[in-house]
């Protein structure tokens, strides 16, 4: 009697299952197993030929079963190559004199390494590491920092706003565009100066190019005490440059305008990719130069700095007639990529999944 479609397929499934169980009980050598299962009259060879009699609708399922069985058989036979040829003992060949294999372990992400180094540099001169919310109220991110309601930074094309009901006093909720939201929070926490704070956290802005990412890390320095001047600020910047980049590193401050500092400055460090020239020389032709796509000028702007605005001190409950201070906020990614020898001209690489890039660090 002719078998039904289901019975033909079931017969093949049963035979495949029997063969799979059988091979795990074999005591034959590798060569004998290959002949028994994959020879001209081998068990697998005979079974695979039966697929021609399987009805068309059942052939895809039958094909999968055959392929899986073949892989299982091959894997089992290949495993024997690491074992003794003695079919009775099947003992593994182990050379106890060989050195052990070190397990594969990862390492800290380059940005985490930079954060640790930056923290250590500032701790040596009395800064205390703190951390404040990355999702915060408008009051701490903008209003307390002397930024009016119509400031461009509050535009939805610049800042990520959280879809939550606003606070009746502190306003809307935002993803912090800078670590400066920690300034007034630190003043509230400490109460009476002196203050030496280093705040490191993630920040978010709606920008994306070779020198910007929508999520980035920033470190915020804040010093408040009696008699603090611009000289203290510049000295701190120079100290950091020497410690982080090494002797000979150049830094400069340029007059700028920020609402939360007065006077305000942009902070630049010399670019190591183009050696401060603004141009990359063609290694094959010294006469050909292209503009450095990372700095474009020989200097690379890392962030802002300045003397804390009196209105910000007032917002933090500190009397500006008694105390002065300075603050700075720099992107860790942009600061890190200026290290000599890295030659990273696109900070988006730091957050890529390219392991061959990340393994360098």
C-alpha atoms as a PDB file:
ATOM      1  CA  UNK A   1       0.000   0.000   0.000  1.00  0.00           C
ATOM      2  CA  UNK A   2       1.316   3.490  -0.869  1.00  0.00           C
ATOM      3  CA  UNK A   3       2.248   5.601   2.158  1.00  0.00           C
ATOM      4  CA  UNK A   4       0.355   8.833   2.774  1.00  0.00           C
ATOM      5  CA  UNK A   5       2.242  12.161   2.599  1.00  0.00           C
ATOM      6  CA  UNK A   6       2.370  12.546   6.380  1.00  0.00           C
ATOM      7  CA  UNK A   7       3.581   9.001   6.930  1.00  0.00           C
ATOM      8  CA  UNK A   8       6.432   9.395   4.413  1.00  0.00           C
ATOM      9  CA  UNK A   9       7.650  12.526   6.135  1.00  0.00           C
ATOM     10  CA  UNK A  10       7.185  10.968   9.561  1.00  0.00           C
ATOM     11  CA  UNK A  11       9.213   7.958   8.491  1.00  0.00           C
ATOM     12  CA  UNK A  12      12.085  10.228   7.492  1.00  0.00           C
ATOM     13  CA  UNK A  13      11.849  12.156  10.758  1.00  0.00           C
ATOM     14  CA  UNK A  14      11.935   8.972  12.810  1.00  0.00           C
ATOM     15  CA  UNK A  15      14.948   7.629  10.936  1.00  0.00           C
ATOM     16  CA  UNK A  16      16.818  10.934  11.313  1.00  0.00           C
ATOM     17  CA  UNK A  17      16.143  10.935  15.052  1.00  0.00           C
ATOM     18  CA  UNK A  18      17.358   7.335  15.360  1.00  0.00           C
ATOM     19  CA  UNK A  19      20.610   8.137  13.504  1.00  0.00           C
ATOM     20  CA  UNK A  20      21.232  11.207  15.691  1.00  0.00           C
ATOM     21  CA  UNK A  21      20.889   9.140  18.874  1.00  0.00           C
ATOM     22  CA  UNK A  22      22.955   6.295  17.493  1.00  0.00           C
ATOM     23  CA  UNK A  23      26.057   8.277  16.642  1.00  0.00           C
ATOM     24  CA  UNK A  24      26.400   9.535  20.220  1.00  0.00           C
ATOM     25  CA  UNK A  25      26.703   5.906  21.347  1.00  0.00           C
ATOM     26  CA  UNK A  26      29.353   4.928  18.792  1.00  0.00           C
ATOM     27  CA  UNK A  27      32.826   3.708  19.799  1.00  0.00           C
ATOM     28  CA  UNK A  28      34.223   3.676  16.278  1.00  0.00           C
ATOM     29  CA  UNK A  29      37.161   5.742  15.105  1.00  0.00           C
ATOM     30  CA  UNK A  30      36.710   8.976  13.173  1.00  0.00           C
ATOM     31  CA  UNK A  31      37.507   7.315   9.864  1.00  0.00           C
ATOM     32  CA  UNK A  32      35.110   4.427  10.551  1.00  0.00           C
ATOM     33  CA  UNK A  33      32.309   6.814  11.459  1.00  0.00           C
ATOM     34  CA  UNK A  34      32.768   8.798   8.251  1.00  0.00           C
ATOM     35  CA  UNK A  35      32.498   5.591   6.237  1.00  0.00           C
ATOM     36  CA  UNK A  36      29.479   4.327   8.201  1.00  0.00           C
ATOM     37  CA  UNK A  37      27.453   7.492   7.857  1.00  0.00           C
ATOM     38  CA  UNK A  38      28.782   9.314   4.770  1.00  0.00           C
ATOM     39  CA  UNK A  39      30.047   6.463   2.604  1.00  0.00           C
ATOM     40  CA  UNK A  40      28.268   5.394  -0.615  1.00  0.00           C
ATOM     41  CA  UNK A  41      26.000   3.130   1.402  1.00  0.00           C
ATOM     42  CA  UNK A  42      26.234   5.119   4.609  1.00  0.00           C
ATOM     43  CA  UNK A  43      23.217   5.679   6.847  1.00  0.00           C
ATOM     44  CA  UNK A  44      23.022   9.385   6.124  1.00  0.00           C
ATOM     45  CA  UNK A  45      23.645   8.925   2.407  1.00  0.00           C
ATOM     46  CA  UNK A  46      20.773   6.447   2.130  1.00  0.00           C
ATOM     47  CA  UNK A  47      18.445   8.643   4.184  1.00  0.00           C
ATOM     48  CA  UNK A  48      19.175  11.793   2.175  1.00  0.00           C
ATOM     49  CA  UNK A  49      18.237   9.997  -1.054  1.00  0.00           C
ATOM     50  CA  UNK A  50      14.750   9.375   0.341  1.00  0.00           C
ATOM     51  CA  UNK A  51      13.927  13.047   0.031  1.00  0.00           C
ATOM     52  CA  UNK A  52      13.147  12.498  -3.640  1.00  0.00           C
ATOM     53  CA  UNK A  53      10.124  10.432  -2.646  1.00  0.00           C
ATOM     54  CA  UNK A  54       8.786  13.094  -0.274  1.00  0.00           C
ATOM     55  CA  UNK A  55       5.791  15.011  -1.684  1.00  0.00           C
ATOM     56  CA  UNK A  56       6.508  18.563  -2.860  1.00  0.00           C
ATOM     57  CA  UNK A  57       4.679  20.288  -0.005  1.00  0.00           C
ATOM     58  CA  UNK A  58       6.729  18.429   2.628  1.00  0.00           C
ATOM     59  CA  UNK A  59      10.142  18.770   0.977  1.00  0.00           C
ATOM     60  CA  UNK A  60      11.100  22.104   2.684  1.00  0.00           C
ATOM     61  CA  UNK A  61      10.624  20.553   6.122  1.00  0.00           C
ATOM     62  CA  UNK A  62      12.379  17.367   5.096  1.00  0.00           C
ATOM     63  CA  UNK A  63      15.300  19.398   3.721  1.00  0.00           C
ATOM     64  CA  UNK A  64      15.737  21.213   7.031  1.00  0.00           C
ATOM     65  CA  UNK A  65      15.790  17.920   8.933  1.00  0.00           C
ATOM     66  CA  UNK A  66      18.406  16.472   6.581  1.00  0.00           C
ATOM     67  CA  UNK A  67      20.621  19.590   6.815  1.00  0.00           C
ATOM     68  CA  UNK A  68      20.457  19.702  10.622  1.00  0.00           C
ATOM     69  CA  UNK A  69      21.248  16.003  10.851  1.00  0.00           C
ATOM     70  CA  UNK A  70      24.239  16.383   8.547  1.00  0.00           C
ATOM     71  CA  UNK A  71      25.593  19.245  10.665  1.00  0.00           C
ATOM     72  CA  UNK A  72      25.145  17.271  13.897  1.00  0.00           C
ATOM     73  CA  UNK A  73      26.941  14.251  12.454  1.00  0.00           C
ATOM     74  CA  UNK A  74      29.826  16.343  11.122  1.00  0.00           C
ATOM     75  CA  UNK A  75      30.215  18.230  14.422  1.00  0.00           C
ATOM     76  CA  UNK A  76      30.370  14.983  16.387  1.00  0.00           C
ATOM     77  CA  UNK A  77      32.933  13.408  14.059  1.00  0.00           C
ATOM     78  CA  UNK A  78      35.102  16.564  14.029  1.00  0.00           C
ATOM     79  CA  UNK A  79      35.181  16.566  17.823  1.00  0.00           C
ATOM     80  CA  UNK A  80      36.998  13.234  17.684  1.00  0.00           C
ATOM     81  CA  UNK A  81      40.042  14.958  16.172  1.00  0.00           C
ATOM     82  CA  UNK A  82      40.844  16.352  19.623  1.00  0.00           C
ATOM     83  CA  UNK A  83      40.601  12.945  21.267  1.00  0.00           C
ATOM     84  CA  UNK A  84      42.742   9.859  21.336  1.00  0.00           C
ATOM     85  CA  UNK A  85      42.536   7.468  18.399  1.00  0.00           C
ATOM     86  CA  UNK A  86      41.856   4.695  20.878  1.00  0.00           C
ATOM     87  CA  UNK A  87      38.154   3.917  20.190  1.00  0.00           C
ATOM     88  CA  UNK A  88      37.750   2.241  23.589  1.00  0.00           C
ATOM     89  CA  UNK A  89      38.948   5.002  25.879  1.00  0.00           C
ATOM     90  CA  UNK A  90      38.277   8.219  23.858  1.00  0.00           C
ATOM     91  CA  UNK A  91      40.498  10.094  26.329  1.00  0.00           C
ATOM     92  CA  UNK A  92      41.369  13.716  25.510  1.00  0.00           C
ATOM     93  CA  UNK A  93      44.984  14.503  24.658  1.00  0.00           C
ATOM     94  CA  UNK A  94      46.082  16.994  27.306  1.00  0.00           C
ATOM     95  CA  UNK A  95      49.608  18.361  27.601  1.00  0.00           C
ATOM     96  CA  UNK A  96      49.888  19.553  31.193  1.00  0.00           C
ATOM     97  CA  UNK A  97      53.124  21.397  30.404  1.00  0.00           C
ATOM     98  CA  UNK A  98      51.380  23.857  28.076  1.00  0.00           C
ATOM     99  CA  UNK A  99      50.670  27.332  29.512  1.00  0.00           C
ATOM    100  CA  UNK A 100      47.050  28.119  30.292  1.00  0.00           C
ATOM    101  CA  UNK A 101      44.922  30.179  27.951  1.00  0.00           C
ATOM    102  CA  UNK A 102      44.079  33.632  29.242  1.00  0.00           C
ATOM    103  CA  UNK A 103      40.344  34.339  29.148  1.00  0.00           C
ATOM    104  CA  UNK A 104      39.223  37.064  26.777  1.00  0.00           C
ATOM    105  CA  UNK A 105      38.288  40.119  28.810  1.00  0.00           C
ATOM    106  CA  UNK A 106      37.147  43.569  27.803  1.00  0.00           C
ATOM    107  CA  UNK A 107      38.380  46.953  28.909  1.00  0.00           C
ATOM    108  CA  UNK A 108      36.924  50.298  29.839  1.00  0.00           C
ATOM    109  CA  UNK A 109      35.496  52.339  26.993  1.00  0.00           C
ATOM    110  CA  UNK A 110      37.895  55.131  25.949  1.00  0.00           C
ATOM    111  CA  UNK A 111      35.474  57.770  27.269  1.00  0.00           C
ATOM    112  CA  UNK A 112      35.344  56.011  30.654  1.00  0.00           C
ATOM    113  CA  UNK A 113      39.138  56.010  30.676  1.00  0.00           C
ATOM    114  CA  UNK A 114      39.139  59.749  29.927  1.00  0.00           C
ATOM    115  CA  UNK A 115      36.606  60.398  32.723  1.00  0.00           C
ATOM    116  CA  UNK A 116      38.815  58.585  35.231  1.00  0.00           C
ATOM    117  CA  UNK A 117      41.870  60.548  34.139  1.00  0.00           C
ATOM    118  CA  UNK A 118      40.057  63.905  34.256  1.00  0.00           C
ATOM    119  CA  UNK A 119      38.653  63.146  37.712  1.00  0.00           C
ATOM    120  CA  UNK A 120      42.133  62.341  38.994  1.00  0.00           C
ATOM    121  CA  UNK A 121      43.633  65.536  37.583  1.00  0.00           C
ATOM    122  CA  UNK A 122      41.149  67.811  39.348  1.00  0.00           C
ATOM    123  CA  UNK A 123      41.101  65.820  42.578  1.00  0.00           C
ATOM    124  CA  UNK A 124      44.811  66.651  42.971  1.00  0.00           C
ATOM    125  CA  UNK A 125      43.979  70.350  43.274  1.00  0.00           C
ATOM    126  CA  UNK A 126      41.069  69.966  45.678  1.00  0.00           C
ATOM    127  CA  UNK A 127      38.051  69.554  43.401  1.00  0.00           C
ATOM    128  CA  UNK A 128      35.251  67.294  44.651  1.00  0.00           C
ATOM    129  CA  UNK A 129      33.612  65.006  42.108  1.00  0.00           C
ATOM    130  CA  UNK A 130      29.812  65.286  42.089  1.00  0.00           C
ATOM    131  CA  UNK A 131      27.026  64.287  39.759  1.00  0.00           C
ATOM    132  CA  UNK A 132      23.639  65.855  39.168  1.00  0.00           C
ATOM    133  CA  UNK A 133      20.512  64.826  37.186  1.00  0.00           C
ATOM    134  CA  UNK A 134      20.702  64.316  33.436  1.00  0.00           C
ATOM    135  CA  UNK A 135      16.953  64.925  33.215  1.00  0.00           C
ATOM    136  CA  UNK A 136      16.263  68.182  35.010  1.00  0.00           C
ATOM    137  CA  UNK A 137      13.925  71.125  35.310  1.00  0.00           C
ATOM    138  CA  UNK A 138      14.176  74.200  33.110  1.00  0.00           C
ATOM    139  CA  UNK A 139      14.972  76.223  36.241  1.00  0.00           C
ATOM    140  CA  UNK A 140      18.318  74.502  36.802  1.00  0.00           C
ATOM    141  CA  UNK A 141      19.187  74.121  33.106  1.00  0.00           C
ATOM    142  CA  UNK A 142      18.275  77.660  32.005  1.00  0.00           C
ATOM    143  CA  UNK A 143      16.455  80.091  34.304  1.00  0.00           C
ATOM    144  CA  UNK A 144      18.809  79.938  37.294  1.00  0.00           C
ATOM    145  CA  UNK A 145      21.706  80.389  34.858  1.00  0.00           C
ATOM    146  CA  UNK A 146      20.465  83.849  33.884  1.00  0.00           C
ATOM    147  CA  UNK A 147      19.014  82.672  30.557  1.00  0.00           C
ATOM    148  CA  UNK A 148      15.809  84.486  29.524  1.00  0.00           C
ATOM    149  CA  UNK A 149      12.704  82.698  28.262  1.00  0.00           C
ATOM    150  CA  UNK A 150      13.442  83.661  24.644  1.00  0.00           C
ATOM    151  CA  UNK A 151      17.058  82.441  24.669  1.00  0.00           C
ATOM    152  CA  UNK A 152      17.923  80.414  21.497  1.00  0.00           C
ATOM    153  CA  UNK A 153      19.141  77.472  23.593  1.00  0.00           C
ATOM    154  CA  UNK A 154      15.553  76.942  24.725  1.00  0.00           C
ATOM    155  CA  UNK A 155      14.438  76.420  21.152  1.00  0.00           C
ATOM    156  CA  UNK A 156      13.112  72.920  20.470  1.00  0.00           C
ATOM    157  CA  UNK A 157      15.639  72.604  17.650  1.00  0.00           C
ATOM    158  CA  UNK A 158      18.475  72.939  20.163  1.00  0.00           C
ATOM    159  CA  UNK A 159      17.215  71.149  23.280  1.00  0.00           C
ATOM    160  CA  UNK A 160      15.378  67.876  23.909  1.00  0.00           C
ATOM    161  CA  UNK A 161      12.235  68.563  25.923  1.00  0.00           C
ATOM    162  CA  UNK A 162      10.581  65.766  27.901  1.00  0.00           C
ATOM    163  CA  UNK A 163       6.875  65.244  27.313  1.00  0.00           C
ATOM    164  CA  UNK A 164       5.850  65.682  30.939  1.00  0.00           C
ATOM    165  CA  UNK A 165       3.649  68.238  32.725  1.00  0.00           C
ATOM    166  CA  UNK A 166       5.749  71.262  33.755  1.00  0.00           C
ATOM    167  CA  UNK A 167       6.573  72.003  37.374  1.00  0.00           C
ATOM    168  CA  UNK A 168       4.554  74.916  38.745  1.00  0.00           C
ATOM    169  CA  UNK A 169       7.755  76.758  39.727  1.00  0.00           C
ATOM    170  CA  UNK A 170      10.648  75.060  37.910  1.00  0.00           C
ATOM    171  CA  UNK A 171       9.073  74.855  34.456  1.00  0.00           C
ATOM    172  CA  UNK A 172       9.468  72.185  31.798  1.00  0.00           C
ATOM    173  CA  UNK A 173      11.584  69.062  32.052  1.00  0.00           C
ATOM    174  CA  UNK A 174      14.544  68.724  29.664  1.00  0.00           C
ATOM    175  CA  UNK A 175      17.432  66.432  28.861  1.00  0.00           C
ATOM    176  CA  UNK A 176      20.255  68.562  30.203  1.00  0.00           C
ATOM    177  CA  UNK A 177      22.090  70.298  27.320  1.00  0.00           C
ATOM    178  CA  UNK A 178      25.073  70.968  29.606  1.00  0.00           C
ATOM    179  CA  UNK A 179      26.400  70.072  33.043  1.00  0.00           C
ATOM    180  CA  UNK A 180      25.888  73.684  34.135  1.00  0.00           C
ATOM    181  CA  UNK A 181      22.577  72.615  35.665  1.00  0.00           C
ATOM    182  CA  UNK A 182      24.748  71.373  38.535  1.00  0.00           C
ATOM    183  CA  UNK A 183      26.055  74.845  39.402  1.00  0.00           C
ATOM    184  CA  UNK A 184      23.057  76.130  41.366  1.00  0.00           C
ATOM    185  CA  UNK A 185      22.358  72.652  42.729  1.00  0.00           C
ATOM    186  CA  UNK A 186      25.894  72.570  44.165  1.00  0.00           C
ATOM    187  CA  UNK A 187      25.456  76.025  45.688  1.00  0.00           C
ATOM    188  CA  UNK A 188      22.223  74.858  47.308  1.00  0.00           C
ATOM    189  CA  UNK A 189      23.930  71.721  48.608  1.00  0.00           C
ATOM    190  CA  UNK A 190      26.985  73.458  50.069  1.00  0.00           C
ATOM    191  CA  UNK A 191      25.307  76.645  51.224  1.00  0.00           C
ATOM    192  CA  UNK A 192      28.377  78.626  52.239  1.00  0.00           C
ATOM    193  CA  UNK A 193      31.531  78.687  50.051  1.00  0.00           C
ATOM    194  CA  UNK A 194      34.270  77.654  49.418  1.00  0.00           C
ATOM    195  CA  UNK A 195      33.137  75.451  46.523  1.00  0.00           C
ATOM    196  CA  UNK A 196      35.389  73.375  44.275  1.00  0.00           C
ATOM    197  CA  UNK A 197      33.197  71.125  42.163  1.00  0.00           C
ATOM    198  CA  UNK A 198      33.840  68.886  39.179  1.00  0.00           C
ATOM    199  CA  UNK A 199      30.584  67.532  37.737  1.00  0.00           C
ATOM    200  CA  UNK A 200      30.770  64.855  35.020  1.00  0.00           C
ATOM    201  CA  UNK A 201      27.616  63.645  33.273  1.00  0.00           C
ATOM    202  CA  UNK A 202      25.945  62.907  29.951  1.00  0.00           C
ATOM    203  CA  UNK A 203      24.429  65.824  28.027  1.00  0.00           C
ATOM    204  CA  UNK A 204      22.058  66.006  25.065  1.00  0.00           C
ATOM    205  CA  UNK A 205      21.769  68.412  22.140  1.00  0.00           C
ATOM    206  CA  UNK A 206      20.212  68.177  18.719  1.00  0.00           C
ATOM    207  CA  UNK A 207      23.478  68.292  16.806  1.00  0.00           C
ATOM    208  CA  UNK A 208      25.306  65.595  14.865  1.00  0.00           C
ATOM    209  CA  UNK A 209      28.497  65.949  12.810  1.00  0.00           C
ATOM    210  CA  UNK A 210      32.201  65.057  12.976  1.00  0.00           C
ATOM    211  CA  UNK A 211      32.686  67.136  16.145  1.00  0.00           C
ATOM    212  CA  UNK A 212      29.231  66.746  17.749  1.00  0.00           C
ATOM    213  CA  UNK A 213      26.997  63.892  18.856  1.00  0.00           C
ATOM    214  CA  UNK A 214      23.439  64.107  20.169  1.00  0.00           C
ATOM    215  CA  UNK A 215      24.558  62.459  23.391  1.00  0.00           C
ATOM    216  CA  UNK A 216      27.936  63.402  24.776  1.00  0.00           C
ATOM    217  CA  UNK A 217      29.783  63.761  28.073  1.00  0.00           C
ATOM    218  CA  UNK A 218      30.794  66.998  29.693  1.00  0.00           C
ATOM    219  CA  UNK A 219      32.774  67.954  32.774  1.00  0.00           C
ATOM    220  CA  UNK A 220      31.814  71.086  34.665  1.00  0.00           C
ATOM    221  CA  UNK A 221      34.182  72.910  36.968  1.00  0.00           C
ATOM    222  CA  UNK A 222      32.945  75.425  39.525  1.00  0.00           C
ATOM    223  CA  UNK A 223      35.041  77.367  42.020  1.00  0.00           C
ATOM    224  CA  UNK A 224      33.510  79.959  44.383  1.00  0.00           C
ATOM    225  CA  UNK A 225      35.339  81.715  47.183  1.00  0.00           C
ATOM    226  CA  UNK A 226      36.496  85.137  48.251  1.00  0.00           C
ATOM    227  CA  UNK A 227      38.916  86.835  45.857  1.00  0.00           C
ATOM    228  CA  UNK A 228      38.599  84.427  42.905  1.00  0.00           C
ATOM    229  CA  UNK A 229      39.790  86.077  39.641  1.00  0.00           C
ATOM    230  CA  UNK A 230      40.366  85.333  35.967  1.00  0.00           C
ATOM    231  CA  UNK A 231      43.988  84.454  36.790  1.00  0.00           C
ATOM    232  CA  UNK A 232      42.731  81.506  38.834  1.00  0.00           C
ATOM    233  CA  UNK A 233      40.626  80.384  35.861  1.00  0.00           C
ATOM    234  CA  UNK A 234      43.481  80.655  33.355  1.00  0.00           C
ATOM    235  CA  UNK A 235      45.853  78.905  35.751  1.00  0.00           C
ATOM    236  CA  UNK A 236      43.409  76.008  36.122  1.00  0.00           C
ATOM    237  CA  UNK A 237      43.064  75.704  32.332  1.00  0.00           C
ATOM    238  CA  UNK A 238      46.849  75.694  31.856  1.00  0.00           C
ATOM    239  CA  UNK A 239      47.256  73.108  34.632  1.00  0.00           C
ATOM    240  CA  UNK A 240      44.708  70.815  32.998  1.00  0.00           C
ATOM    241  CA  UNK A 241      46.314  71.171  29.551  1.00  0.00           C
ATOM    242  CA  UNK A 242      49.740  70.234  30.902  1.00  0.00           C
ATOM    243  CA  UNK A 243      48.396  67.263  32.876  1.00  0.00           C
ATOM    244  CA  UNK A 244      46.030  65.891  30.229  1.00  0.00           C
ATOM    245  CA  UNK A 245      47.963  66.567  27.016  1.00  0.00           C
ATOM    246  CA  UNK A 246      51.500  66.729  28.303  1.00  0.00           C
ATOM    247  CA  UNK A 247      54.219  69.409  28.387  1.00  0.00           C
ATOM    248  CA  UNK A 248      54.175  71.840  25.502  1.00  0.00           C
ATOM    249  CA  UNK A 249      50.410  71.797  25.023  1.00  0.00           C
ATOM    250  CA  UNK A 250      48.953  75.174  24.149  1.00  0.00           C
ATOM    251  CA  UNK A 251      45.710  76.701  25.345  1.00  0.00           C
ATOM    252  CA  UNK A 252      44.009  80.015  24.811  1.00  0.00           C
ATOM    253  CA  UNK A 253      40.881  81.858  25.905  1.00  0.00           C
ATOM    254  CA  UNK A 254      38.884  84.117  23.593  1.00  0.00           C
ATOM    255  CA  UNK A 255      36.285  86.692  24.654  1.00  0.00           C
ATOM    256  CA  UNK A 256      32.795  85.369  24.116  1.00  0.00           C
ATOM    257  CA  UNK A 257      29.289  85.777  25.524  1.00  0.00           C
ATOM    258  CA  UNK A 258      27.460  83.378  27.806  1.00  0.00           C
ATOM    259  CA  UNK A 259      24.486  84.405  29.908  1.00  0.00           C
ATOM    260  CA  UNK A 260      25.735  82.635  33.044  1.00  0.00           C
ATOM    261  CA  UNK A 261      29.287  84.076  33.124  1.00  0.00           C
ATOM    262  CA  UNK A 262      30.654  87.613  32.931  1.00  0.00           C
ATOM    263  CA  UNK A 263      33.198  88.028  31.481  1.00  0.00           C
ATOM    264  CA  UNK A 264      32.951  84.901  29.301  1.00  0.00           C
ATOM    265  CA  UNK A 265      35.478  83.018  27.196  1.00  0.00           C
ATOM    266  CA  UNK A 266      35.759  80.236  24.676  1.00  0.00           C
ATOM    267  CA  UNK A 267      38.544  77.779  25.540  1.00  0.00           C
ATOM    268  CA  UNK A 268      40.719  76.362  22.744  1.00  0.00           C
ATOM    269  CA  UNK A 269      43.480  73.789  22.704  1.00  0.00           C
ATOM    270  CA  UNK A 270      45.960  73.304  19.893  1.00  0.00           C
ATOM    271  CA  UNK A 271      45.022  70.545  17.439  1.00  0.00           C
ATOM    272  CA  UNK A 272      47.397  67.559  17.457  1.00  0.00           C
ATOM    273  CA  UNK A 273      45.997  66.126  14.224  1.00  0.00           C
ATOM    274  CA  UNK A 274      47.328  69.002  12.123  1.00  0.00           C
ATOM    275  CA  UNK A 275      49.900  70.110  14.733  1.00  0.00           C
ATOM    276  CA  UNK A 276      48.178  73.446  15.100  1.00  0.00           C
ATOM    277  CA  UNK A 277      48.578  74.440  11.440  1.00  0.00           C
ATOM    278  CA  UNK A 278      44.995  73.888  10.300  1.00  0.00           C
ATOM    279  CA  UNK A 279      46.172  71.784   7.350  1.00  0.00           C
ATOM    280  CA  UNK A 280      47.027  68.121   6.731  1.00  0.00           C
ATOM    281  CA  UNK A 281      50.038  67.432   4.521  1.00  0.00           C
ATOM    282  CA  UNK A 282      49.669  64.707   1.908  1.00  0.00           C
ATOM    283  CA  UNK A 283      52.161  61.941   2.910  1.00  0.00           C
ATOM    284  CA  UNK A 284      52.776  61.169  -0.777  1.00  0.00           C
ATOM    285  CA  UNK A 285      53.253  64.789  -1.807  1.00  0.00           C
ATOM    286  CA  UNK A 286      54.488  67.362   0.703  1.00  0.00           C
ATOM    287  CA  UNK A 287      53.362  70.158  -1.631  1.00  0.00           C
ATOM    288  CA  UNK A 288      49.718  69.153  -1.331  1.00  0.00           C
ATOM    289  CA  UNK A 289      47.792  70.170   1.782  1.00  0.00           C
ATOM    290  CA  UNK A 290      44.146  69.817   2.699  1.00  0.00           C
ATOM    291  CA  UNK A 291      42.273  71.676   5.389  1.00  0.00           C
ATOM    292  CA  UNK A 292      42.003  69.733   8.662  1.00  0.00           C
ATOM    293  CA  UNK A 293      38.386  68.574   8.794  1.00  0.00           C
ATOM    294  CA  UNK A 294      38.509  68.265  12.570  1.00  0.00           C
ATOM    295  CA  UNK A 295      39.698  71.721  13.723  1.00  0.00           C
ATOM    296  CA  UNK A 296      39.748  73.713  10.432  1.00  0.00           C
ATOM    297  CA  UNK A 297      42.033  76.349  11.994  1.00  0.00           C
ATOM    298  CA  UNK A 298      44.799  74.752  14.081  1.00  0.00           C
ATOM    299  CA  UNK A 299      42.820  75.308  17.265  1.00  0.00           C
ATOM    300  CA  UNK A 300      39.979  73.237  18.587  1.00  0.00           C
ATOM    301  CA  UNK A 301      37.261  74.767  20.736  1.00  0.00           C
ATOM    302  CA  UNK A 302      36.402  72.492  23.654  1.00  0.00           C
ATOM    303  CA  UNK A 303      33.884  74.583  25.569  1.00  0.00           C
ATOM    304  CA  UNK A 304      33.152  77.738  27.479  1.00  0.00           C
ATOM    305  CA  UNK A 305      34.418  79.322  30.653  1.00  0.00           C
ATOM    306  CA  UNK A 306      34.170  82.556  32.582  1.00  0.00           C
ATOM    307  CA  UNK A 307      33.510  84.284  35.866  1.00  0.00           C
ATOM    308  CA  UNK A 308      30.198  83.231  37.445  1.00  0.00           C
ATOM    309  CA  UNK A 309      27.524  85.851  36.789  1.00  0.00           C
ATOM    310  CA  UNK A 310      26.240  87.620  39.936  1.00  0.00           C
ATOM    311  CA  UNK A 311      22.669  86.603  39.058  1.00  0.00           C
ATOM    312  CA  UNK A 312      23.697  82.927  39.090  1.00  0.00           C
ATOM    313  CA  UNK A 313      25.290  83.358  42.504  1.00  0.00           C
ATOM    314  CA  UNK A 314      22.058  84.963  43.745  1.00  0.00           C
ATOM    315  CA  UNK A 315      19.996  82.083  42.309  1.00  0.00           C
ATOM    316  CA  UNK A 316      22.175  79.710  44.365  1.00  0.00           C
ATOM    317  CA  UNK A 317      21.716  81.765  47.538  1.00  0.00           C
ATOM    318  CA  UNK A 318      25.265  83.206  47.578  1.00  0.00           C
ATOM    319  CA  UNK A 319      26.029  86.887  48.113  1.00  0.00           C
ATOM    320  CA  UNK A 320      27.929  88.210  45.034  1.00  0.00           C
ATOM    321  CA  UNK A 321      29.247  91.153  47.052  1.00  0.00           C
ATOM    322  CA  UNK A 322      31.260  88.727  49.195  1.00  0.00           C
ATOM    323  CA  UNK A 323      32.113  85.918  46.799  1.00  0.00           C
ATOM    324  CA  UNK A 324      33.258  85.506  43.208  1.00  0.00           C
ATOM    325  CA  UNK A 325      33.891  82.390  41.195  1.00  0.00           C
ATOM    326  CA  UNK A 326      34.701  80.873  37.852  1.00  0.00           C
ATOM    327  CA  UNK A 327      33.140  78.012  35.888  1.00  0.00           C
ATOM    328  CA  UNK A 328      33.953  75.987  32.802  1.00  0.00           C
ATOM    329  CA  UNK A 329      32.201  73.263  30.857  1.00  0.00           C
ATOM    330  CA  UNK A 330      33.999  71.145  28.281  1.00  0.00           C
ATOM    331  CA  UNK A 331      32.988  68.151  26.197  1.00  0.00           C
ATOM    332  CA  UNK A 332      34.951  65.036  27.150  1.00  0.00           C
ATOM    333  CA  UNK A 333      34.807  63.542  23.660  1.00  0.00           C
ATOM    334  CA  UNK A 334      36.100  66.701  22.004  1.00  0.00           C
ATOM    335  CA  UNK A 335      38.741  67.195  24.678  1.00  0.00           C
ATOM    336  CA  UNK A 336      39.854  63.548  24.466  1.00  0.00           C
ATOM    337  CA  UNK A 337      40.216  63.474  20.673  1.00  0.00           C
ATOM    338  CA  UNK A 338      42.873  66.185  20.859  1.00  0.00           C
ATOM    339  CA  UNK A 339      45.277  63.812  22.603  1.00  0.00           C
ATOM    340  CA  UNK A 340      48.461  63.386  20.620  1.00  0.00           C
ATOM    341  CA  UNK A 341      48.690  60.208  18.562  1.00  0.00           C
ATOM    342  CA  UNK A 342      44.977  59.413  18.430  1.00  0.00           C
ATOM    343  CA  UNK A 343      44.230  61.138  15.105  1.00  0.00           C
ATOM    344  CA  UNK A 344      40.469  60.713  15.511  1.00  0.00           C
ATOM    345  CA  UNK A 345      38.838  63.134  13.074  1.00  0.00           C
ATOM    346  CA  UNK A 346      35.238  62.068  13.753  1.00  0.00           C
ATOM    347  CA  UNK A 347      34.041  61.695  17.362  1.00  0.00           C
ATOM    348  CA  UNK A 348      31.075  59.601  16.219  1.00  0.00           C
ATOM    349  CA  UNK A 349      33.533  56.707  15.927  1.00  0.00           C
ATOM    350  CA  UNK A 350      33.659  56.602  19.734  1.00  0.00           C
ATOM    351  CA  UNK A 351      30.044  55.434  19.793  1.00  0.00           C
ATOM    352  CA  UNK A 352      30.204  53.112  16.822  1.00  0.00           C
ATOM    353  CA  UNK A 353      30.129  49.312  17.042  1.00  0.00           C
ATOM    354  CA  UNK A 354      33.449  48.976  15.231  1.00  0.00           C
ATOM    355  CA  UNK A 355      35.394  46.691  17.547  1.00  0.00           C
ATOM    356  CA  UNK A 356      38.595  47.029  15.530  1.00  0.00           C
ATOM    357  CA  UNK A 357      38.457  50.735  16.428  1.00  0.00           C
ATOM    358  CA  UNK A 358      37.532  50.319  20.116  1.00  0.00           C
ATOM    359  CA  UNK A 359      40.101  47.557  20.707  1.00  0.00           C
ATOM    360  CA  UNK A 360      42.878  50.108  20.119  1.00  0.00           C
ATOM    361  CA  UNK A 361      42.163  51.610  23.511  1.00  0.00           C
END
